[in-house]
Structures are given as structure tokens and as C-alpha cells.
Amino acid sequence: LNPDMPPEGEDAGDHIVRKYGISREQAEENRQRIAMIGGELGVVFLGGEGRRIYNTFDAHRIMHWAREQGAQTPLSLALFHAYFTEGRNPSDPEVLRQAAESVGLNGAAVIDILGSDRYRQEVRAEEHRYTAAGIRSVPAYIINNTYLISGGQEPATFVKALRQIAAE
């Protein structure tokens, strides 16, 4: 069991404070900064009050399947919207089915996968690979299987990092 995994449905603010050892005020400042950056990019984030943290293991199983269908990015965006903008539970089978259908995937296949062990081993193997690479939170970006950019960053930070990587 992952010690960083929050209790199902834990308050997002409580989870951030506990996981990163920061104050409620720091957590709120970070949330507001991320919401501001998102807003500049056209992404709406639900406010902090009442937002929950969920176990996304099943969502990752569905994402693995969506990758095989060539629809991982659209499904990822649909699930991000469902969670961050609408405050929906990304571990709820109905949310997963609806998100899949919204990007043209077969909703019945989603329910079949969730009722089985399909993709469990593959997702656990990916989880172990990323943990071994030092990833402890998301977002995390691995460039050329070598460089890690961790955390929500402003676009200028990515530009600078990518320029440094390209220069090497």
C-alpha cells in the first residue's frame, strides 16, 4: 500500500498539508497560484473548499486501455475536467464511463475492465518504475527518459528547462 495514498475522499487541503508538511496558508497560496496559471491557459479549477482526493488506480487502468485505443490524451483531458473543474470523483465507474464515451470510447468496455483485473499488473509496473525514478507527486514530466520536471510550473519554467536540456 502506498503510504502517500490518501484515505479515500480525503479533503484535498488536508492531504496537501499532511503530504508536504506545509501550512494550510501555504497550501491555499499554492492552490491559488495553480488556479491563476490554469486560468491564463483557459483551464478552470474548482475552488479548494470541499475538493476531495481520490484513489485513481482504476482511472489509470482505463488510461492504459485508452492508450491502446489511441485516445489517452483526450481521455486524460476529459478526466482532468471532470475532477478539477466539475469536482467529480475520478474513481467512480460512472465518471470513468462517461469520460470515455465523451471522447468516443466504448463505455461498456470501461465497465468490463473495471469488473476485471485487466491492466492491474501493467499499471502497478508503471507505478513502480516512476517511483523508482523519484516521482512522488504529480504532475511530473520525464524528458528523453532522463530529465525530470516535477510539480506544477509556470510556462517560463518549462521553456527554461527545455532550453537547458536541448543545449546539452
N, C-alpha and C. Protein backbone atom coordinates (compact mmCIF):
# COMPACT_ATOMS: atom_id res chain seq x y z
N LEU A 1 0.85 -1.19 0.00
CA LEU A 1 0.00 0.00 0.00
C LEU A 1 0.88 1.24 0.00
N ASN A 2 0.57 2.16 -0.85
CA ASN A 2 1.35 3.39 -0.98
C ASN A 2 1.10 4.29 0.24
N PRO A 3 2.14 4.62 1.02
CA PRO A 3 1.95 5.45 2.21
C PRO A 3 1.51 6.87 1.87
N ASP A 4 1.76 7.31 0.63
CA ASP A 4 1.33 8.65 0.22
C ASP A 4 -0.12 8.69 -0.22
N MET A 5 -0.73 7.51 -0.38
CA MET A 5 -2.10 7.46 -0.85
C MET A 5 -3.02 7.97 0.25
N PRO A 6 -3.85 8.94 -0.06
CA PRO A 6 -4.73 9.50 0.96
C PRO A 6 -5.88 8.55 1.25
N PRO A 7 -6.49 8.71 2.42
CA PRO A 7 -7.72 7.97 2.67
C PRO A 7 -8.74 8.38 1.61
N GLU A 8 -9.53 7.43 1.12
CA GLU A 8 -10.49 7.71 0.05
C GLU A 8 -11.37 8.89 0.42
N GLY A 9 -11.41 9.87 -0.47
CA GLY A 9 -12.25 11.04 -0.28
C GLY A 9 -11.71 12.06 0.70
N GLU A 10 -10.41 11.97 1.06
CA GLU A 10 -9.83 12.94 1.99
C GLU A 10 -9.92 14.35 1.41
N ASP A 11 -10.11 15.32 2.28
CA ASP A 11 -10.11 16.71 1.88
C ASP A 11 -8.77 17.03 1.22
N ALA A 12 -8.83 17.70 0.05
CA ALA A 12 -7.61 18.00 -0.70
C ALA A 12 -6.64 18.85 0.11
N GLY A 13 -7.15 19.86 0.80
CA GLY A 13 -6.28 20.72 1.60
C GLY A 13 -5.58 19.95 2.70
N ASP A 14 -6.32 19.11 3.41
CA ASP A 14 -5.73 18.29 4.46
C ASP A 14 -4.65 17.38 3.90
N HIS A 15 -4.91 16.81 2.74
CA HIS A 15 -3.95 15.90 2.11
C HIS A 15 -2.65 16.63 1.77
N ILE A 16 -2.76 17.80 1.17
CA ILE A 16 -1.58 18.58 0.78
C ILE A 16 -0.76 18.97 2.01
N VAL A 17 -1.42 19.43 3.05
CA VAL A 17 -0.74 19.81 4.29
C VAL A 17 0.00 18.62 4.87
N ARG A 18 -0.67 17.46 4.93
CA ARG A 18 -0.07 16.25 5.51
C ARG A 18 1.07 15.75 4.64
N LYS A 19 0.86 15.67 3.34
CA LYS A 19 1.86 15.08 2.44
C LYS A 19 3.13 15.91 2.35
N TYR A 20 2.98 17.23 2.25
CA TYR A 20 4.14 18.08 2.00
C TYR A 20 4.64 18.82 3.24
N GLY A 21 3.95 18.66 4.36
CA GLY A 21 4.39 19.29 5.60
C GLY A 21 4.37 20.80 5.53
N ILE A 22 3.38 21.35 4.85
CA ILE A 22 3.25 22.80 4.74
C ILE A 22 2.01 23.25 5.51
N SER A 23 1.91 24.54 5.69
CA SER A 23 0.76 25.08 6.42
C SER A 23 -0.46 25.15 5.50
N ARG A 24 -1.62 25.31 6.11
CA ARG A 24 -2.86 25.50 5.35
C ARG A 24 -2.74 26.73 4.46
N GLU A 25 -2.11 27.77 4.99
CA GLU A 25 -1.95 29.01 4.23
C GLU A 25 -1.08 28.79 2.99
N GLN A 26 0.02 28.05 3.17
CA GLN A 26 0.89 27.75 2.03
C GLN A 26 0.15 26.91 1.00
N ALA A 27 -0.62 25.94 1.47
CA ALA A 27 -1.39 25.10 0.56
C ALA A 27 -2.38 25.94 -0.24
N GLU A 28 -3.03 26.87 0.43
CA GLU A 28 -4.00 27.74 -0.25
C GLU A 28 -3.31 28.67 -1.24
N GLU A 29 -2.15 29.20 -0.87
CA GLU A 29 -1.39 30.04 -1.80
C GLU A 29 -1.01 29.25 -3.05
N ASN A 30 -0.55 28.01 -2.86
CA ASN A 30 -0.19 27.16 -3.99
C ASN A 30 -1.41 26.89 -4.87
N ARG A 31 -2.55 26.59 -4.24
CA ARG A 31 -3.77 26.32 -5.00
C ARG A 31 -4.17 27.54 -5.82
N GLN A 32 -4.09 28.72 -5.21
CA GLN A 32 -4.45 29.94 -5.93
C GLN A 32 -3.50 30.21 -7.09
N ARG A 33 -2.21 29.94 -6.89
CA ARG A 33 -1.22 30.14 -7.97
C ARG A 33 -1.52 29.21 -9.13
N ILE A 34 -1.80 27.95 -8.82
CA ILE A 34 -2.11 26.98 -9.87
C ILE A 34 -3.40 27.38 -10.59
N ALA A 35 -4.41 27.83 -9.84
CA ALA A 35 -5.66 28.27 -10.45
C ALA A 35 -5.43 29.47 -11.36
N MET A 36 -4.55 30.38 -10.95
CA MET A 36 -4.26 31.56 -11.76
C MET A 36 -3.56 31.15 -13.07
N ILE A 37 -2.56 30.29 -12.95
CA ILE A 37 -1.85 29.82 -14.14
C ILE A 37 -2.82 29.07 -15.05
N GLY A 38 -3.64 28.22 -14.47
CA GLY A 38 -4.63 27.50 -15.26
C GLY A 38 -5.58 28.44 -15.96
N GLY A 39 -6.04 29.45 -15.24
CA GLY A 39 -6.95 30.42 -15.84
C GLY A 39 -6.34 31.12 -17.04
N GLU A 40 -5.05 31.44 -16.94
CA GLU A 40 -4.35 32.07 -18.06
C GLU A 40 -4.29 31.16 -19.28
N LEU A 41 -4.38 29.85 -19.03
CA LEU A 41 -4.33 28.88 -20.12
C LEU A 41 -5.73 28.37 -20.50
N GLY A 42 -6.77 28.96 -19.88
CA GLY A 42 -8.13 28.56 -20.20
C GLY A 42 -8.64 27.36 -19.43
N VAL A 43 -7.97 26.98 -18.36
CA VAL A 43 -8.38 25.85 -17.54
C VAL A 43 -8.99 26.38 -16.25
N VAL A 44 -10.20 25.95 -15.95
CA VAL A 44 -10.90 26.39 -14.75
C VAL A 44 -10.72 25.34 -13.66
N PHE A 45 -10.22 25.76 -12.50
CA PHE A 45 -10.06 24.87 -11.35
C PHE A 45 -11.13 25.16 -10.32
N LEU A 46 -11.77 24.11 -9.84
CA LEU A 46 -12.73 24.23 -8.77
C LEU A 46 -12.03 24.77 -7.53
N GLY A 47 -12.73 25.57 -6.74
CA GLY A 47 -12.14 26.12 -5.52
C GLY A 47 -11.73 25.04 -4.55
N GLY A 48 -10.96 25.44 -3.55
CA GLY A 48 -10.40 24.50 -2.60
C GLY A 48 -11.40 23.89 -1.63
N GLU A 49 -12.40 24.65 -1.21
CA GLU A 49 -13.37 24.14 -0.24
C GLU A 49 -14.15 22.97 -0.81
N GLY A 50 -14.13 21.87 -0.09
CA GLY A 50 -14.92 20.71 -0.47
C GLY A 50 -14.27 19.81 -1.51
N ARG A 51 -13.14 20.22 -2.06
CA ARG A 51 -12.47 19.37 -3.05
C ARG A 51 -11.88 18.17 -2.32
N ARG A 52 -12.00 17.00 -2.93
CA ARG A 52 -11.55 15.76 -2.32
C ARG A 52 -10.41 15.15 -3.14
N ILE A 53 -9.66 14.26 -2.50
CA ILE A 53 -8.61 13.48 -3.15
C ILE A 53 -9.12 12.03 -3.23
N TYR A 54 -8.93 11.40 -4.37
CA TYR A 54 -9.42 10.04 -4.58
C TYR A 54 -8.30 9.13 -5.07
N ASN A 55 -8.48 7.84 -4.87
CA ASN A 55 -7.57 6.84 -5.39
C ASN A 55 -7.85 6.70 -6.89
N THR A 56 -6.87 6.99 -7.71
CA THR A 56 -7.08 6.99 -9.16
C THR A 56 -6.54 5.74 -9.85
N PHE A 57 -6.33 4.67 -9.10
CA PHE A 57 -5.78 3.46 -9.69
C PHE A 57 -6.65 2.96 -10.85
N ASP A 58 -7.97 2.89 -10.66
CA ASP A 58 -8.83 2.42 -11.74
C ASP A 58 -8.81 3.38 -12.93
N ALA A 59 -8.72 4.67 -12.66
CA ALA A 59 -8.62 5.63 -13.76
C ALA A 59 -7.34 5.36 -14.56
N HIS A 60 -6.27 4.99 -13.88
CA HIS A 60 -5.03 4.68 -14.59
C HIS A 60 -5.17 3.40 -15.41
N ARG A 61 -5.94 2.45 -14.92
CA ARG A 61 -6.19 1.23 -15.72
C ARG A 61 -6.95 1.59 -16.99
N ILE A 62 -7.93 2.48 -16.87
CA ILE A 62 -8.69 2.90 -18.04
C ILE A 62 -7.81 3.73 -18.97
N MET A 63 -6.92 4.54 -18.41
CA MET A 63 -6.00 5.31 -19.23
C MET A 63 -5.06 4.38 -20.01
N HIS A 64 -4.63 3.29 -19.38
CA HIS A 64 -3.77 2.33 -20.06
C HIS A 64 -4.50 1.76 -21.28
N TRP A 65 -5.74 1.38 -21.08
CA TRP A 65 -6.57 0.88 -22.18
C TRP A 65 -6.75 1.95 -23.26
N ALA A 66 -7.02 3.19 -22.83
CA ALA A 66 -7.22 4.30 -23.78
C ALA A 66 -5.96 4.53 -24.62
N ARG A 67 -4.79 4.33 -24.03
CA ARG A 67 -3.54 4.46 -24.78
C ARG A 67 -3.53 3.47 -25.94
N GLU A 68 -3.97 2.24 -25.68
CA GLU A 68 -4.05 1.23 -26.74
C GLU A 68 -5.04 1.63 -27.84
N GLN A 69 -6.03 2.42 -27.49
CA GLN A 69 -7.05 2.87 -28.44
C GLN A 69 -6.64 4.17 -29.14
N GLY A 70 -5.48 4.72 -28.76
CA GLY A 70 -5.02 5.98 -29.34
C GLY A 70 -5.77 7.19 -28.79
N ALA A 71 -6.33 7.04 -27.59
CA ALA A 71 -7.16 8.12 -27.03
C ALA A 71 -6.75 8.50 -25.62
N GLN A 72 -5.50 8.26 -25.24
CA GLN A 72 -5.07 8.55 -23.88
C GLN A 72 -5.14 10.05 -23.57
N THR A 73 -4.64 10.88 -24.45
CA THR A 73 -4.65 12.32 -24.19
C THR A 73 -6.06 12.88 -24.09
N PRO A 74 -6.96 12.58 -25.05
CA PRO A 74 -8.33 13.10 -24.89
C PRO A 74 -9.01 12.60 -23.62
N LEU A 75 -8.80 11.33 -23.27
CA LEU A 75 -9.42 10.83 -22.04
C LEU A 75 -8.83 11.50 -20.82
N SER A 76 -7.52 11.69 -20.82
CA SER A 76 -6.87 12.38 -19.71
C SER A 76 -7.47 13.77 -19.52
N LEU A 77 -7.64 14.49 -20.61
CA LEU A 77 -8.22 15.84 -20.53
C LEU A 77 -9.66 15.80 -20.03
N ALA A 78 -10.42 14.81 -20.47
CA ALA A 78 -11.81 14.67 -20.01
C ALA A 78 -11.86 14.37 -18.51
N LEU A 79 -10.96 13.53 -18.03
CA LEU A 79 -10.92 13.21 -16.60
C LEU A 79 -10.43 14.40 -15.78
N PHE A 80 -9.44 15.14 -16.29
CA PHE A 80 -8.99 16.35 -15.61
C PHE A 80 -10.15 17.33 -15.47
N HIS A 81 -10.90 17.51 -16.53
CA HIS A 81 -12.04 18.43 -16.49
C HIS A 81 -13.07 17.95 -15.47
N ALA A 82 -13.37 16.66 -15.50
CA ALA A 82 -14.35 16.11 -14.56
C ALA A 82 -13.93 16.36 -13.11
N TYR A 83 -12.65 16.17 -12.82
CA TYR A 83 -12.17 16.33 -11.44
C TYR A 83 -11.90 17.78 -11.08
N PHE A 84 -11.04 18.44 -11.83
CA PHE A 84 -10.59 19.77 -11.43
C PHE A 84 -11.64 20.86 -11.65
N THR A 85 -12.45 20.74 -12.69
CA THR A 85 -13.43 21.78 -12.98
C THR A 85 -14.81 21.46 -12.40
N GLU A 86 -15.21 20.18 -12.50
CA GLU A 86 -16.55 19.80 -12.04
C GLU A 86 -16.57 19.20 -10.64
N GLY A 87 -15.40 18.86 -10.11
CA GLY A 87 -15.34 18.28 -8.77
C GLY A 87 -15.85 16.86 -8.68
N ARG A 88 -15.85 16.14 -9.80
CA ARG A 88 -16.36 14.77 -9.82
C ARG A 88 -15.27 13.79 -9.38
N ASN A 89 -15.70 12.62 -8.94
CA ASN A 89 -14.82 11.58 -8.41
C ASN A 89 -14.25 10.73 -9.56
N PRO A 90 -12.95 10.84 -9.85
CA PRO A 90 -12.38 10.08 -10.97
C PRO A 90 -12.19 8.60 -10.68
N SER A 91 -12.60 8.14 -9.50
CA SER A 91 -12.56 6.71 -9.23
C SER A 91 -13.95 6.09 -9.37
N ASP A 92 -14.95 6.91 -9.61
CA ASP A 92 -16.33 6.44 -9.78
C ASP A 92 -16.48 5.81 -11.17
N PRO A 93 -16.92 4.55 -11.23
CA PRO A 93 -17.07 3.89 -12.53
C PRO A 93 -17.94 4.67 -13.52
N GLU A 94 -18.97 5.33 -13.03
CA GLU A 94 -19.84 6.09 -13.92
C GLU A 94 -19.11 7.31 -14.50
N VAL A 95 -18.30 7.97 -13.70
CA VAL A 95 -17.50 9.10 -14.19
C VAL A 95 -16.51 8.61 -15.24
N LEU A 96 -15.88 7.47 -14.99
CA LEU A 96 -14.93 6.91 -15.95
C LEU A 96 -15.62 6.53 -17.25
N ARG A 97 -16.79 5.91 -17.15
CA ARG A 97 -17.54 5.53 -18.34
C ARG A 97 -17.94 6.76 -19.14
N GLN A 98 -18.50 7.76 -18.47
CA GLN A 98 -18.93 8.97 -19.16
C GLN A 98 -17.77 9.70 -19.82
N ALA A 99 -16.65 9.78 -19.12
CA ALA A 99 -15.48 10.45 -19.69
C ALA A 99 -15.02 9.72 -20.94
N ALA A 100 -14.98 8.39 -20.88
CA ALA A 100 -14.57 7.60 -22.04
C ALA A 100 -15.52 7.82 -23.21
N GLU A 101 -16.80 7.77 -22.93
CA GLU A 101 -17.78 7.97 -24.00
C GLU A 101 -17.68 9.37 -24.59
N SER A 102 -17.34 10.36 -23.76
CA SER A 102 -17.26 11.74 -24.24
C SER A 102 -16.15 11.93 -25.27
N VAL A 103 -15.18 11.00 -25.30
CA VAL A 103 -14.10 11.10 -26.28
C VAL A 103 -14.19 9.98 -27.32
N GLY A 104 -15.36 9.36 -27.41
CA GLY A 104 -15.61 8.37 -28.45
C GLY A 104 -15.20 6.94 -28.13
N LEU A 105 -14.89 6.66 -26.87
CA LEU A 105 -14.53 5.30 -26.48
C LEU A 105 -15.77 4.53 -26.03
N ASN A 106 -15.65 3.23 -25.99
CA ASN A 106 -16.75 2.35 -25.65
C ASN A 106 -16.96 2.30 -24.13
N GLY A 107 -18.07 2.84 -23.67
CA GLY A 107 -18.35 2.87 -22.23
C GLY A 107 -18.53 1.49 -21.64
N ALA A 108 -19.13 0.56 -22.39
CA ALA A 108 -19.30 -0.81 -21.89
C ALA A 108 -17.95 -1.47 -21.67
N ALA A 109 -16.98 -1.17 -22.51
CA ALA A 109 -15.63 -1.73 -22.33
C ALA A 109 -15.02 -1.23 -21.03
N VAL A 110 -15.27 0.02 -20.69
CA VAL A 110 -14.77 0.58 -19.42
C VAL A 110 -15.32 -0.22 -18.25
N ILE A 111 -16.62 -0.45 -18.25
CA ILE A 111 -17.26 -1.20 -17.15
C ILE A 111 -16.71 -2.62 -17.10
N ASP A 112 -16.49 -3.24 -18.26
CA ASP A 112 -15.90 -4.59 -18.30
C ASP A 112 -14.51 -4.60 -17.68
N ILE A 113 -13.69 -3.62 -18.03
CA ILE A 113 -12.32 -3.54 -17.49
C ILE A 113 -12.38 -3.37 -15.97
N LEU A 114 -13.24 -2.47 -15.50
CA LEU A 114 -13.33 -2.22 -14.06
C LEU A 114 -13.80 -3.44 -13.28
N GLY A 115 -14.56 -4.31 -13.93
CA GLY A 115 -15.04 -5.53 -13.27
C GLY A 115 -14.07 -6.68 -13.36
N SER A 116 -12.89 -6.41 -13.89
CA SER A 116 -11.88 -7.46 -14.08
C SER A 116 -10.55 -7.01 -13.47
N ASP A 117 -9.53 -7.84 -13.70
CA ASP A 117 -8.17 -7.50 -13.26
C ASP A 117 -7.34 -6.92 -14.39
N ARG A 118 -7.97 -6.67 -15.54
CA ARG A 118 -7.21 -6.18 -16.70
C ARG A 118 -6.45 -4.91 -16.36
N TYR A 119 -5.23 -4.87 -16.80
CA TYR A 119 -4.31 -3.74 -16.69
C TYR A 119 -3.81 -3.47 -15.28
N ARG A 120 -4.18 -4.28 -14.30
CA ARG A 120 -3.68 -4.07 -12.94
C ARG A 120 -2.16 -4.22 -12.89
N GLN A 121 -1.65 -5.31 -13.45
CA GLN A 121 -0.20 -5.55 -13.41
C GLN A 121 0.56 -4.48 -14.17
N GLU A 122 0.03 -4.07 -15.32
CA GLU A 122 0.71 -3.06 -16.12
C GLU A 122 0.78 -1.72 -15.39
N VAL A 123 -0.32 -1.35 -14.75
CA VAL A 123 -0.34 -0.07 -14.03
C VAL A 123 0.56 -0.14 -12.80
N ARG A 124 0.57 -1.26 -12.09
CA ARG A 124 1.47 -1.40 -10.93
C ARG A 124 2.93 -1.33 -11.40
N ALA A 125 3.25 -1.95 -12.53
CA ALA A 125 4.63 -1.91 -13.04
C ALA A 125 5.03 -0.47 -13.38
N GLU A 126 4.12 0.29 -13.99
CA GLU A 126 4.41 1.70 -14.28
C GLU A 126 4.58 2.49 -12.99
N GLU A 127 3.72 2.22 -12.03
CA GLU A 127 3.81 2.91 -10.74
C GLU A 127 5.18 2.66 -10.10
N HIS A 128 5.64 1.43 -10.11
CA HIS A 128 6.94 1.10 -9.52
C HIS A 128 8.08 1.76 -10.31
N ARG A 129 7.97 1.78 -11.63
CA ARG A 129 9.00 2.41 -12.46
C ARG A 129 9.11 3.89 -12.13
N TYR A 130 7.98 4.58 -12.02
CA TYR A 130 8.01 6.02 -11.75
C TYR A 130 8.47 6.31 -10.32
N THR A 131 8.07 5.48 -9.39
CA THR A 131 8.52 5.66 -8.00
C THR A 131 10.03 5.48 -7.93
N ALA A 132 10.55 4.48 -8.63
CA ALA A 132 12.00 4.25 -8.65
C ALA A 132 12.74 5.42 -9.30
N ALA A 133 12.07 6.13 -10.20
CA ALA A 133 12.68 7.29 -10.87
C ALA A 133 12.63 8.55 -9.99
N GLY A 134 12.03 8.43 -8.81
CA GLY A 134 12.00 9.55 -7.88
C GLY A 134 10.74 10.37 -7.92
N ILE A 135 9.75 9.93 -8.66
CA ILE A 135 8.49 10.68 -8.74
C ILE A 135 7.63 10.35 -7.53
N ARG A 136 7.25 11.39 -6.80
CA ARG A 136 6.45 11.23 -5.59
C ARG A 136 5.12 11.99 -5.67
N SER A 137 4.97 12.80 -6.72
CA SER A 137 3.74 13.57 -6.86
C SER A 137 3.54 13.92 -8.33
N VAL A 138 2.38 14.43 -8.61
CA VAL A 138 2.06 14.85 -9.96
C VAL A 138 1.69 16.32 -9.94
N PRO A 139 1.88 16.99 -11.05
CA PRO A 139 2.39 16.46 -12.29
C PRO A 139 3.90 16.26 -12.24
N ALA A 140 4.37 15.36 -13.06
CA ALA A 140 5.79 15.12 -13.22
C ALA A 140 6.02 14.82 -14.70
N TYR A 141 7.06 15.40 -15.24
CA TYR A 141 7.35 15.26 -16.66
C TYR A 141 8.74 14.67 -16.83
N ILE A 142 8.81 13.57 -17.56
CA ILE A 142 10.09 12.93 -17.85
C ILE A 142 10.43 13.25 -19.30
N ILE A 143 11.57 13.89 -19.52
CA ILE A 143 12.01 14.27 -20.84
C ILE A 143 13.14 13.35 -21.27
N ASN A 144 12.99 12.74 -22.44
CA ASN A 144 14.01 11.84 -23.01
C ASN A 144 14.42 10.73 -22.04
N ASN A 145 13.49 10.27 -21.23
CA ASN A 145 13.75 9.21 -20.25
C ASN A 145 14.91 9.54 -19.32
N THR A 146 15.26 10.82 -19.18
CA THR A 146 16.43 11.22 -18.39
C THR A 146 16.13 12.35 -17.43
N TYR A 147 15.43 13.36 -17.88
CA TYR A 147 15.23 14.58 -17.09
C TYR A 147 13.84 14.59 -16.48
N LEU A 148 13.78 15.02 -15.22
CA LEU A 148 12.51 15.09 -14.51
C LEU A 148 12.20 16.54 -14.16
N ILE A 149 11.03 16.98 -14.57
CA ILE A 149 10.50 18.28 -14.16
C ILE A 149 9.30 17.95 -13.28
N SER A 150 9.36 18.34 -12.04
CA SER A 150 8.35 17.95 -11.08
C SER A 150 7.51 19.14 -10.63
N GLY A 151 6.23 18.89 -10.47
CA GLY A 151 5.32 19.89 -9.93
C GLY A 151 4.71 20.78 -10.98
N GLY A 152 3.65 21.46 -10.59
CA GLY A 152 3.00 22.42 -11.47
C GLY A 152 3.89 23.65 -11.60
N GLN A 153 4.34 23.92 -12.79
CA GLN A 153 5.27 25.01 -13.02
C GLN A 153 4.66 26.02 -13.99
N GLU A 154 5.16 27.22 -13.92
CA GLU A 154 4.74 28.23 -14.88
C GLU A 154 5.36 27.91 -16.23
N PRO A 155 4.72 28.31 -17.33
CA PRO A 155 5.27 28.01 -18.66
C PRO A 155 6.72 28.43 -18.84
N ALA A 156 7.12 29.56 -18.28
CA ALA A 156 8.50 30.03 -18.42
C ALA A 156 9.49 29.03 -17.81
N THR A 157 9.09 28.36 -16.75
CA THR A 157 9.97 27.36 -16.13
C THR A 157 10.21 26.20 -17.08
N PHE A 158 9.14 25.76 -17.77
CA PHE A 158 9.30 24.68 -18.74
C PHE A 158 10.18 25.11 -19.91
N VAL A 159 9.96 26.31 -20.39
CA VAL A 159 10.77 26.82 -21.51
C VAL A 159 12.24 26.82 -21.13
N LYS A 160 12.56 27.33 -19.95
CA LYS A 160 13.94 27.39 -19.49
C LYS A 160 14.53 25.98 -19.38
N ALA A 161 13.80 25.07 -18.75
CA ALA A 161 14.29 23.70 -18.58
C ALA A 161 14.49 23.01 -19.93
N LEU A 162 13.54 23.16 -20.84
CA LEU A 162 13.67 22.53 -22.14
C LEU A 162 14.84 23.11 -22.95
N ARG A 163 15.08 24.42 -22.81
CA ARG A 163 16.23 25.02 -23.49
C ARG A 163 17.54 24.47 -22.93
N GLN A 164 17.60 24.28 -21.59
CA GLN A 164 18.81 23.72 -20.98
C GLN A 164 19.03 22.29 -21.45
N ILE A 165 17.95 21.53 -21.53
CA ILE A 165 18.06 20.15 -21.98
C ILE A 165 18.51 20.10 -23.44
N ALA A 166 17.95 20.95 -24.27
CA ALA A 166 18.30 20.98 -25.69
C ALA A 166 19.76 21.39 -25.89
N ALA A 167 20.28 22.23 -25.00
CA ALA A 167 21.66 22.71 -25.11
C ALA A 167 22.67 21.61 -24.78
N GLU A 168 22.24 20.60 -24.06
CA GLU A 168 23.18 19.52 -23.64
C GLU A 168 23.50 18.56 -24.73
